[in-house]
Amino acid sequence: MRVSAATTAERILPERLAARARPYLEAFDKLAFGTGERSHAARMSLTAFAVRVSSAVIAFASQVFLARWMGGFEYGVFVLVWTAMLILGNLSCLGFHTSIIRFIPEYRGQGRSADLRGVLLGSRLIVFAASSLIALAGAAMIHALSDRIEPHHVVPFLLGMVCLPMMGLSDLMQGVARGHAWPFHAMLPTYILRPLLLLILMVAAVATGAPANAETGMYAAIVATYATTLFQLVTVSNRAEREAEPVRRTFPVRGWMVVSLPVFLIEGFIYILTNADVLMVGFFLPPPDVAVYFATVKTLALVHFVYFAVRAGVAQRFAGLMHGDRPDELAAFAHDTVRWTFWPTLAMAALLLAAGEPLLMLFGSEFTAGYPLLFVLVAGVVARAVVGPAESVLTMGGYQNACARLYAVVLVVNVALNCLLIPLYGLWGAAIATAAAMACEAVFLAFTVRAKLGIDMWMGATAPHLRGS
């Protein structure tokens, strides 16, 4: 017997209240228990949302413990190195972690089993080779410049390079799982298991007498990253191979690169854009300021994860609609995703601003200096949520080049504003620059989606609009 929110409300709520709630609950039932593709995408987004909520809580708790144990200076060093490694790990995928979300449904829908099996293996080999080369080059550069780098950064950065090959493969496996619409396989290892394991390992290390510093944190990160990535390779990769038709593989590498390299630029710009403020603060300001700013950004993640959850749940659906030549459904679904992004983001933003100061106090009394910055940063996140996962529509629809150019401009705006404002206003400058860049990103995305697809993908649009409709 299927559970129904509307029926359950009629049983437990007063009649008048149940009657008022019924239209909303029936809409929820349709999304949660329906059999259509839209319902499936909504369930995947809800699953991703639930996982990201859990992930945000775990990540927040782990960062609180790390900040408490390490102190402001060592914590600032650790988060700067870890942020840099996350960016490099993402870039080392060369765009395959996102393009494969498009390739998998496209190849399956067209019956191209040989290409499907080829991209499953070929993407792993390409990403592993690229990430290993980047790690070796990075380690060599750090060693060569060690006399010019601040001593407390050298060893943690070298240890971070050890993580890179597995971080790249982890992002790729997440993409493979998303391409198959396996939300738990896509989200759990990276967003739940890895931060949880890192925290457990750090606790064990400190309990056995290891110093609570950035080096110990990076050793824990290495073990956590390798363990979770190997788990992904065994589970996601093996399952994907079993589900593919057992034919001889083909490797149209040139076709893959034509799609993946623009996506590489887009994802690289997005990821750098998301983390540029932390890196710029680390460049201009001392580690204690980096620690305060990072703690503030981690608290902000309790709002920002809504966008990432929706984006993770809908990319595969966008790809299917694009290649199925269903423009009306695409426009309606794009409009839905904007609402799924904006209203939860707005609600979470209000909750965060109400509870922000006590949350930052958990890191330590000195971290409450970041609370006023939350108001500026939250405004930027809400502005970004106005257009929902608009970049997914562009990348899944073949407009990755236009999207790449857009994010290049936004990144330049972000970096320029940070370089201008941080030396003048410190952490306030970083917050203002980041919020302004988010607002520019939303405006540019809305205009680009309208120009390329004829869809008004922003919260103020009352209905989807298609060119020629």
Protein backbone atom coordinates (compact mmCIF):
# COMPACT_ATOMS: atom_id res chain seq x y z
CA MET A 1 0.00 0.00 0.00
CA ARG A 2 1.45 3.37 -1.04
CA VAL A 3 1.87 6.13 1.50
CA SER A 4 0.03 9.34 0.61
CA ALA A 5 0.71 12.68 2.27
CA ALA A 6 -2.77 13.94 1.37
CA THR A 7 -4.53 10.89 2.83
CA THR A 8 -2.38 10.94 5.96
CA ALA A 9 -3.21 14.63 6.52
CA GLU A 10 -6.95 13.89 6.27
CA ARG A 11 -6.58 11.30 9.03
CA ILE A 12 -4.59 13.36 11.51
CA LEU A 13 -5.49 17.03 10.82
CA PRO A 14 -8.73 18.93 11.47
CA GLU A 15 -11.05 18.85 8.46
CA ARG A 16 -10.69 22.54 7.49
CA LEU A 17 -6.89 22.47 7.80
CA ALA A 18 -6.66 19.23 5.83
CA ALA A 19 -8.85 20.70 3.06
CA ARG A 20 -6.59 23.76 2.74
CA ALA A 21 -3.46 21.62 2.69
CA ARG A 22 -4.82 19.02 0.27
CA PRO A 23 -3.86 20.76 -3.06
CA TYR A 24 -0.26 21.19 -1.91
CA LEU A 25 -0.01 17.66 -0.54
CA GLU A 26 -1.50 16.18 -3.71
CA ALA A 27 1.14 18.04 -5.71
CA PHE A 28 3.78 16.59 -3.39
CA ASP A 29 2.33 13.08 -3.84
CA LYS A 30 2.46 13.47 -7.60
CA LEU A 31 6.11 14.39 -7.47
CA ALA A 32 7.14 11.92 -4.78
CA PHE A 33 5.19 8.87 -5.98
CA GLY A 34 4.43 9.57 -9.66
CA THR A 35 5.78 7.39 -12.45
CA GLY A 36 6.65 10.08 -15.02
CA GLU A 37 10.11 11.42 -15.83
CA ARG A 38 9.32 14.71 -14.08
CA SER A 39 8.45 12.85 -10.88
CA HIS A 40 11.63 10.81 -11.21
CA ALA A 41 13.73 13.96 -11.57
CA ALA A 42 11.95 15.52 -8.59
CA ARG A 43 12.65 12.43 -6.47
CA MET A 44 16.29 12.52 -7.48
CA SER A 45 16.49 16.18 -6.50
CA LEU A 46 14.77 15.45 -3.18
CA THR A 47 17.19 12.60 -2.58
CA ALA A 48 20.11 14.84 -3.45
CA PHE A 49 18.64 17.52 -1.19
CA ALA A 50 18.38 15.07 1.73
CA VAL A 51 21.93 13.86 1.19
CA ARG A 52 23.24 17.42 0.94
CA VAL A 53 21.42 18.36 4.15
CA SER A 54 23.12 15.46 5.92
CA SER A 55 26.39 16.32 4.22
CA ALA A 56 26.15 19.98 5.26
CA VAL A 57 25.56 18.97 8.88
CA ILE A 58 28.46 16.48 8.85
CA ALA A 59 30.80 18.89 7.05
CA PHE A 60 29.84 21.71 9.39
CA ALA A 61 30.37 19.53 12.48
CA SER A 62 33.72 18.27 11.20
CA GLN A 63 34.92 21.80 10.48
CA VAL A 64 33.86 22.90 13.97
CA PHE A 65 35.91 20.09 15.53
CA LEU A 66 38.90 20.78 13.28
CA ALA A 67 38.81 24.49 14.10
CA ARG A 68 38.56 23.76 17.83
CA TRP A 69 41.45 21.30 17.77
CA MET A 70 43.79 23.11 15.41
CA GLY A 71 43.23 26.70 16.41
CA GLY A 72 42.84 29.58 14.00
CA PHE A 73 46.33 29.49 12.43
CA GLU A 74 46.63 25.76 11.65
CA TYR A 75 42.97 25.56 10.65
CA GLY A 76 43.52 28.45 8.23
CA VAL A 77 46.45 26.60 6.63
CA PHE A 78 44.47 23.36 6.36
CA VAL A 79 41.37 24.89 4.75
CA LEU A 80 43.46 26.85 2.25
CA VAL A 81 45.27 23.68 1.13
CA TRP A 82 42.09 21.57 1.08
CA THR A 83 40.21 24.19 -0.95
CA ALA A 84 43.04 24.33 -3.47
CA MET A 85 43.04 20.52 -3.77
CA LEU A 86 39.28 20.42 -4.31
CA ILE A 87 39.65 22.87 -7.18
CA LEU A 88 42.57 20.98 -8.76
CA GLY A 89 40.77 17.65 -8.34
CA ASN A 90 37.74 19.05 -10.13
CA LEU A 91 39.85 20.53 -12.94
CA SER A 92 41.79 17.30 -13.41
CA CYS A 93 38.60 15.62 -14.68
CA LEU A 94 38.92 17.70 -17.88
CA GLY A 95 35.13 18.08 -17.91
CA PHE A 96 34.36 14.35 -18.09
CA HIS A 97 32.67 14.32 -14.68
CA THR A 98 29.89 16.46 -16.21
CA SER A 99 29.95 15.52 -19.89
CA ILE A 100 29.50 11.85 -19.00
CA ILE A 101 26.11 12.76 -17.50
CA ARG A 102 25.17 13.74 -21.05
CA PHE A 103 26.93 10.84 -22.81
CA ILE A 104 25.33 8.04 -20.79
CA PRO A 105 21.63 8.81 -21.50
CA GLU A 106 22.50 9.88 -25.06
CA TYR A 107 24.33 6.63 -25.89
CA ARG A 108 21.73 4.49 -24.15
CA GLY A 109 18.86 6.26 -25.88
CA GLN A 110 20.50 5.85 -29.31
CA GLY A 111 21.52 2.24 -28.71
CA ARG A 112 25.25 3.05 -28.99
CA SER A 113 26.40 0.36 -26.56
CA ALA A 114 29.95 0.20 -27.90
CA ASP A 115 30.41 3.95 -27.36
CA LEU A 116 28.82 3.65 -23.90
CA ARG A 117 31.23 0.95 -22.78
CA GLY A 118 34.07 2.91 -24.34
CA VAL A 119 33.33 6.12 -22.46
CA LEU A 120 32.94 4.27 -19.14
CA LEU A 121 36.50 2.92 -19.42
CA GLY A 122 38.07 5.72 -21.45
CA SER A 123 36.94 8.46 -19.08
CA ARG A 124 38.53 6.65 -16.13
CA LEU A 125 41.85 6.29 -17.93
CA ILE A 126 41.89 9.90 -19.14
CA VAL A 127 40.98 11.35 -15.74
CA PHE A 128 43.48 9.19 -13.86
CA ALA A 129 46.28 10.11 -16.27
CA ALA A 130 45.45 13.83 -16.20
CA SER A 131 45.12 14.02 -12.42
CA SER A 132 48.36 12.09 -11.88
CA LEU A 133 50.26 14.41 -14.22
CA ILE A 134 48.84 17.49 -12.50
CA ALA A 135 49.79 16.04 -9.09
CA LEU A 136 53.37 15.34 -10.22
CA ALA A 137 53.72 18.76 -11.80
CA GLY A 138 52.30 20.43 -8.70
CA ALA A 139 54.63 18.54 -6.36
CA ALA A 140 57.64 19.42 -8.53
CA MET A 141 56.67 23.09 -8.57
CA ILE A 142 56.19 23.20 -4.79
CA HIS A 143 59.57 21.53 -4.28
CA ALA A 144 61.27 23.95 -6.67
CA LEU A 145 59.69 27.01 -5.04
CA SER A 146 59.87 25.76 -1.45
CA ASP A 147 62.27 28.54 -0.47
CA ARG A 148 59.73 31.16 -1.64
CA ILE A 149 56.65 29.55 -0.08
CA GLU A 150 55.83 30.12 3.57
CA PRO A 151 57.22 27.08 5.48
CA HIS A 152 53.90 26.16 7.11
CA HIS A 153 52.36 25.67 3.63
CA VAL A 154 54.99 23.45 1.98
CA VAL A 155 54.35 20.02 3.51
CA PRO A 156 50.52 20.31 3.59
CA PHE A 157 50.50 21.26 -0.12
CA LEU A 158 52.80 18.34 -0.98
CA LEU A 159 50.48 15.98 0.92
CA GLY A 160 47.52 17.49 -0.89
CA MET A 161 49.02 16.49 -4.24
CA VAL A 162 48.89 12.86 -3.11
CA CYS A 163 45.08 13.17 -2.96
CA LEU A 164 44.64 14.49 -6.50
CA PRO A 165 44.37 11.28 -8.58
CA MET A 166 41.71 9.86 -6.29
CA MET A 167 39.85 13.17 -6.03
CA GLY A 168 39.59 13.33 -9.83
CA LEU A 169 38.31 9.76 -10.07
CA SER A 170 35.85 10.41 -7.25
CA ASP A 171 34.30 13.34 -9.13
CA LEU A 172 34.11 11.20 -12.28
CA MET A 173 32.37 8.34 -10.48
CA GLN A 174 29.87 10.84 -9.13
CA GLY A 175 29.15 11.87 -12.71
CA VAL A 176 28.73 8.23 -13.84
CA ALA A 177 26.22 7.65 -11.04
CA ARG A 178 24.31 10.81 -11.91
CA GLY A 179 24.23 9.79 -15.57
CA HIS A 180 22.53 6.55 -14.54
CA ALA A 181 20.20 8.40 -12.09
CA TRP A 182 21.65 6.64 -9.03
CA PRO A 183 21.39 9.46 -6.46
CA PHE A 184 22.77 7.60 -3.45
CA HIS A 185 25.78 6.27 -5.34
CA ALA A 186 26.37 9.79 -6.66
CA MET A 187 26.14 11.65 -3.37
CA LEU A 188 26.91 9.39 -0.41
CA PRO A 189 30.64 8.64 -0.92
CA THR A 190 31.73 12.23 -1.58
CA TYR A 191 29.34 14.15 0.64
CA ILE A 192 28.78 11.76 3.55
CA LEU A 193 31.45 9.06 3.75
CA ARG A 194 34.53 11.16 2.98
CA PRO A 195 33.96 14.00 5.49
CA LEU A 196 32.77 11.52 8.13
CA LEU A 197 35.82 9.32 7.62
CA LEU A 198 38.13 12.34 7.68
CA LEU A 199 36.67 13.39 11.01
CA ILE A 200 36.98 9.87 12.50
CA LEU A 201 40.58 9.57 11.34
CA MET A 202 41.46 13.00 12.75
CA VAL A 203 39.92 12.06 16.11
CA ALA A 204 41.89 8.80 16.14
CA ALA A 205 45.13 10.57 15.20
CA VAL A 206 44.82 13.23 17.91
CA ALA A 207 43.76 10.61 20.47
CA THR A 208 46.92 8.61 19.78
CA GLY A 209 49.19 11.62 20.26
CA ALA A 210 49.51 13.13 16.80
CA PRO A 211 49.71 16.94 16.74
CA ALA A 212 46.44 18.68 15.86
CA ASN A 213 47.84 20.61 12.92
CA ALA A 214 47.40 20.99 9.17
CA GLU A 215 49.79 18.12 8.35
CA THR A 216 47.83 15.66 10.44
CA GLY A 217 44.64 16.88 8.82
CA MET A 218 46.08 16.25 5.35
CA TYR A 219 47.19 12.74 6.28
CA ALA A 220 43.62 12.02 7.41
CA ALA A 221 42.33 13.55 4.17
CA ILE A 222 44.56 11.27 2.07
CA VAL A 223 43.28 8.11 3.74
CA ALA A 224 39.65 9.27 3.62
CA THR A 225 39.91 10.23 -0.07
CA TYR A 226 41.53 6.98 -1.17
CA ALA A 227 39.11 4.82 0.82
CA THR A 228 35.95 6.48 -0.50
CA THR A 229 37.19 6.62 -4.10
CA LEU A 230 38.12 2.94 -4.14
CA PHE A 231 34.65 2.21 -2.76
CA GLN A 232 33.12 4.23 -5.63
CA LEU A 233 35.20 2.41 -8.22
CA VAL A 234 34.06 -0.96 -6.91
CA THR A 235 30.38 -0.05 -6.62
CA VAL A 236 29.58 2.54 -9.31
CA SER A 237 32.01 1.45 -12.00
CA ASN A 238 31.23 -2.26 -11.69
CA ARG A 239 27.48 -1.67 -11.71
CA ALA A 240 27.70 0.58 -14.78
CA GLU A 241 29.72 -2.05 -16.64
CA ARG A 242 27.23 -4.78 -15.73
CA GLU A 243 24.29 -2.74 -17.02
CA ALA A 244 25.95 -1.93 -20.34
CA GLU A 245 25.48 -4.39 -23.21
CA PRO A 246 28.59 -6.62 -23.45
CA VAL A 247 29.90 -5.51 -26.84
CA ARG A 248 33.35 -4.50 -28.01
CA ARG A 249 34.24 -0.99 -26.87
CA THR A 250 34.78 1.91 -29.24
CA PHE A 251 36.68 5.04 -28.25
CA PRO A 252 35.57 8.17 -30.16
CA VAL A 253 37.95 10.27 -28.08
CA ARG A 254 37.83 13.29 -30.39
CA GLY A 255 34.04 13.51 -30.00
CA TRP A 256 34.34 13.21 -26.24
CA MET A 257 36.91 15.99 -26.07
CA VAL A 258 34.87 18.33 -28.28
CA VAL A 259 32.10 18.18 -25.67
CA SER A 260 34.22 17.76 -22.54
CA LEU A 261 36.77 20.54 -22.97
CA PRO A 262 34.19 23.38 -23.04
CA VAL A 263 32.51 21.69 -20.07
CA PHE A 264 35.95 21.57 -18.43
CA LEU A 265 36.15 25.35 -18.82
CA ILE A 266 32.60 25.82 -17.49
CA GLU A 267 33.03 23.54 -14.49
CA GLY A 268 36.47 24.92 -13.83
CA PHE A 269 35.17 28.47 -13.88
CA ILE A 270 32.22 27.51 -11.65
CA TYR A 271 34.41 25.69 -9.15
CA ILE A 272 37.04 28.40 -9.05
CA LEU A 273 34.28 30.98 -8.84
CA THR A 274 32.77 29.12 -5.87
CA ASN A 275 36.10 28.98 -4.04
CA ALA A 276 37.99 31.99 -5.40
CA ASP A 277 37.16 34.14 -2.41
CA VAL A 278 38.82 31.69 0.01
CA LEU A 279 41.94 31.51 -2.18
CA MET A 280 42.09 35.28 -2.56
CA VAL A 281 41.68 35.79 1.18
CA GLY A 282 44.51 33.28 1.65
CA PHE A 283 46.67 35.28 -0.77
CA PHE A 284 46.08 38.70 0.79
CA LEU A 285 45.39 37.96 4.48
CA PRO A 286 46.99 35.84 7.25
CA PRO A 287 45.78 32.30 8.17
CA PRO A 288 43.56 33.41 11.11
CA ASP A 289 41.54 35.59 8.72
CA VAL A 290 41.34 32.67 6.27
CA ALA A 291 39.97 30.54 9.10
CA VAL A 292 37.26 33.07 9.99
CA TYR A 293 36.23 33.52 6.37
CA PHE A 294 36.19 29.78 5.64
CA ALA A 295 34.06 29.10 8.72
CA THR A 296 31.63 31.75 7.49
CA VAL A 297 31.52 30.19 4.02
CA LYS A 298 31.00 26.72 5.51
CA THR A 299 28.07 28.10 7.48
CA LEU A 300 26.76 29.66 4.26
CA ALA A 301 26.89 26.20 2.66
CA LEU A 302 23.80 25.34 4.72
CA VAL A 303 21.96 27.59 2.23
CA HIS A 304 23.99 27.07 -0.92
CA PHE A 305 23.53 23.28 -0.96
CA VAL A 306 19.92 23.70 -2.17
CA TYR A 307 21.16 24.85 -5.57
CA PHE A 308 23.71 22.04 -5.80
CA ALA A 309 21.10 19.45 -4.79
CA VAL A 310 18.66 20.53 -7.48
CA ARG A 311 21.46 20.74 -10.04
CA ALA A 312 22.58 17.20 -9.20
CA GLY A 313 19.06 15.86 -9.57
CA VAL A 314 18.01 17.46 -12.85
CA ALA A 315 21.03 17.36 -15.20
CA GLN A 316 20.26 13.87 -16.47
CA ARG A 317 16.61 14.84 -17.05
CA PHE A 318 17.65 17.95 -18.99
CA ALA A 319 19.87 15.79 -21.20
CA GLY A 320 17.00 13.40 -21.91
CA LEU A 321 14.61 16.21 -22.85
CA MET A 322 17.17 17.90 -25.06
CA HIS A 323 17.92 14.78 -27.06
CA GLY A 324 14.26 13.74 -27.12
CA ASP A 325 13.27 16.92 -29.01
CA ARG A 326 10.57 17.94 -26.51
CA PRO A 327 10.88 21.75 -26.22
CA ASP A 328 7.55 22.27 -24.42
CA GLU A 329 8.42 19.77 -21.70
CA LEU A 330 11.90 21.23 -21.45
CA ALA A 331 10.56 24.75 -20.87
CA ALA A 332 8.05 23.57 -18.27
CA PHE A 333 10.65 21.48 -16.46
CA ALA A 334 13.20 24.34 -16.49
CA HIS A 335 10.58 26.59 -14.91
CA ASP A 336 9.90 23.94 -12.24
CA THR A 337 13.58 23.70 -11.32
CA VAL A 338 13.74 27.44 -10.70
CA ARG A 339 10.96 27.16 -8.10
CA TRP A 340 12.58 24.08 -6.58
CA THR A 341 15.75 26.12 -6.13
CA PHE A 342 14.53 29.57 -5.12
CA TRP A 343 11.93 28.97 -2.39
CA PRO A 344 13.95 26.45 -0.32
CA THR A 345 17.00 28.72 -0.69
CA LEU A 346 15.05 31.71 0.58
CA ALA A 347 13.70 29.73 3.54
CA MET A 348 17.13 28.37 4.45
CA ALA A 349 18.62 31.87 4.12
CA ALA A 350 16.17 33.26 6.68
CA LEU A 351 16.92 30.41 9.09
CA LEU A 352 20.66 30.84 8.69
CA LEU A 353 20.61 34.56 9.39
CA ALA A 354 18.57 33.90 12.53
CA ALA A 355 20.97 31.22 13.79
CA GLY A 356 24.23 32.34 12.19
CA GLU A 357 25.97 33.86 15.20
CA PRO A 358 25.44 30.85 17.53
CA LEU A 359 26.58 28.55 14.71
CA LEU A 360 29.80 30.50 14.23
CA MET A 361 30.33 30.56 18.00
CA LEU A 362 30.72 26.78 17.80
CA PHE A 363 34.02 27.28 15.94
CA GLY A 364 35.27 29.57 18.70
CA SER A 365 34.52 33.05 19.96
CA GLU A 366 36.86 34.70 17.43
CA PHE A 367 34.86 33.24 14.53
CA THR A 368 31.75 35.33 15.28
CA ALA A 369 33.54 38.17 13.48
CA GLY A 370 32.25 36.51 10.31
CA TYR A 371 28.54 36.85 11.23
CA PRO A 372 27.97 40.30 9.65
CA LEU A 373 29.51 38.96 6.44
CA LEU A 374 26.73 36.37 6.22
CA PHE A 375 24.16 39.03 5.36
CA VAL A 376 26.15 40.05 2.28
CA LEU A 377 26.97 36.49 1.21
CA VAL A 378 23.39 35.25 1.72
CA ALA A 379 22.13 38.05 -0.54
CA GLY A 380 24.44 36.75 -3.25
CA VAL A 381 23.25 33.15 -2.86
CA VAL A 382 19.59 34.18 -3.03
CA ALA A 383 20.29 36.27 -6.13
CA ARG A 384 21.96 33.24 -7.74
CA ALA A 385 18.96 31.03 -6.87
CA VAL A 386 16.64 33.28 -8.91
CA VAL A 387 17.65 31.45 -12.12
CA GLY A 388 17.90 27.92 -10.70
CA PRO A 389 20.27 25.42 -12.40
CA ALA A 390 20.36 27.45 -15.63
CA GLU A 391 23.90 26.40 -16.56
CA SER A 392 22.77 22.74 -16.63
CA VAL A 393 20.24 23.57 -19.36
CA LEU A 394 23.01 25.12 -21.44
CA THR A 395 25.63 22.38 -20.97
CA MET A 396 23.17 19.51 -21.46
CA GLY A 397 21.73 21.22 -24.54
CA GLY A 398 25.00 21.64 -26.41
CA TYR A 399 25.56 25.32 -25.59
CA GLN A 400 28.65 24.62 -23.50
CA ASN A 401 30.79 27.09 -25.45
CA ALA A 402 28.47 30.00 -24.69
CA CYS A 403 28.29 28.89 -21.08
CA ALA A 404 32.08 28.71 -20.87
CA ARG A 405 32.43 32.26 -22.18
CA LEU A 406 29.84 33.44 -19.67
CA TYR A 407 31.65 31.92 -16.71
CA ALA A 408 34.99 33.24 -17.93
CA VAL A 409 33.55 36.75 -17.73
CA VAL A 410 32.04 36.11 -14.28
CA LEU A 411 35.33 34.70 -13.01
CA VAL A 412 37.22 37.76 -14.24
CA VAL A 413 34.67 39.97 -12.49
CA ASN A 414 35.04 37.94 -9.28
CA VAL A 415 38.84 37.96 -9.23
CA ALA A 416 39.06 41.64 -10.20
CA LEU A 417 36.63 42.66 -7.47
CA ASN A 418 38.45 40.54 -4.87
CA CYS A 419 41.83 41.99 -5.86
CA LEU A 420 40.39 45.50 -5.62
CA LEU A 421 38.31 45.17 -2.45
CA ILE A 422 40.20 42.76 -0.16
CA PRO A 423 43.27 45.03 0.24
CA LEU A 424 40.91 47.95 0.98
CA TYR A 425 38.25 46.32 3.16
CA GLY A 426 39.62 42.93 4.21
CA LEU A 427 36.99 40.22 4.72
CA TRP A 428 34.20 42.67 3.92
CA GLY A 429 35.79 43.20 0.52
CA ALA A 430 35.82 39.44 -0.15
CA ALA A 431 32.14 39.11 0.82
CA ILE A 432 31.03 42.07 -1.33
CA ALA A 433 33.06 40.85 -4.32
CA THR A 434 31.63 37.33 -4.06
CA ALA A 435 28.02 38.47 -3.70
CA ALA A 436 28.37 40.87 -6.64
CA ALA A 437 29.83 38.12 -8.81
CA MET A 438 26.90 35.80 -7.94
CA ALA A 439 24.41 38.48 -8.96
CA CYS A 440 26.25 39.02 -12.26
CA GLU A 441 26.25 35.26 -12.86
CA ALA A 442 22.46 35.09 -12.42
CA VAL A 443 21.84 37.99 -14.82
CA PHE A 444 24.17 36.59 -17.48
CA LEU A 445 22.65 33.09 -17.22
CA ALA A 446 19.09 34.37 -17.54
CA PHE A 447 19.95 36.35 -20.70
CA THR A 448 21.94 33.46 -22.22
CA VAL A 449 19.22 30.83 -21.67
CA ARG A 450 16.67 33.24 -23.15
CA ALA A 451 18.86 33.94 -26.18
CA LYS A 452 19.85 30.31 -26.88
CA LEU A 453 16.70 28.38 -25.95
CA GLY A 454 13.94 30.96 -25.84
CA ILE A 455 13.14 30.06 -22.22
CA ASP A 456 12.54 32.69 -19.54
CA MET A 457 14.34 30.81 -16.77
CA TRP A 458 14.11 33.13 -13.79
CA MET A 459 11.86 33.38 -10.78
CA GLY A 460 9.92 36.40 -12.05
CA ALA A 461 8.70 34.55 -15.16
CA THR A 462 5.13 33.44 -14.53
CA ALA A 463 5.20 30.86 -17.30
CA PRO A 464 7.78 29.32 -19.66
CA HIS A 465 8.11 31.16 -22.95
CA LEU A 466 9.30 29.42 -26.10
CA ARG A 467 10.39 31.12 -29.25
CA GLY A 468 7.67 30.79 -31.84
CA SER A 469 5.06 29.53 -29.37
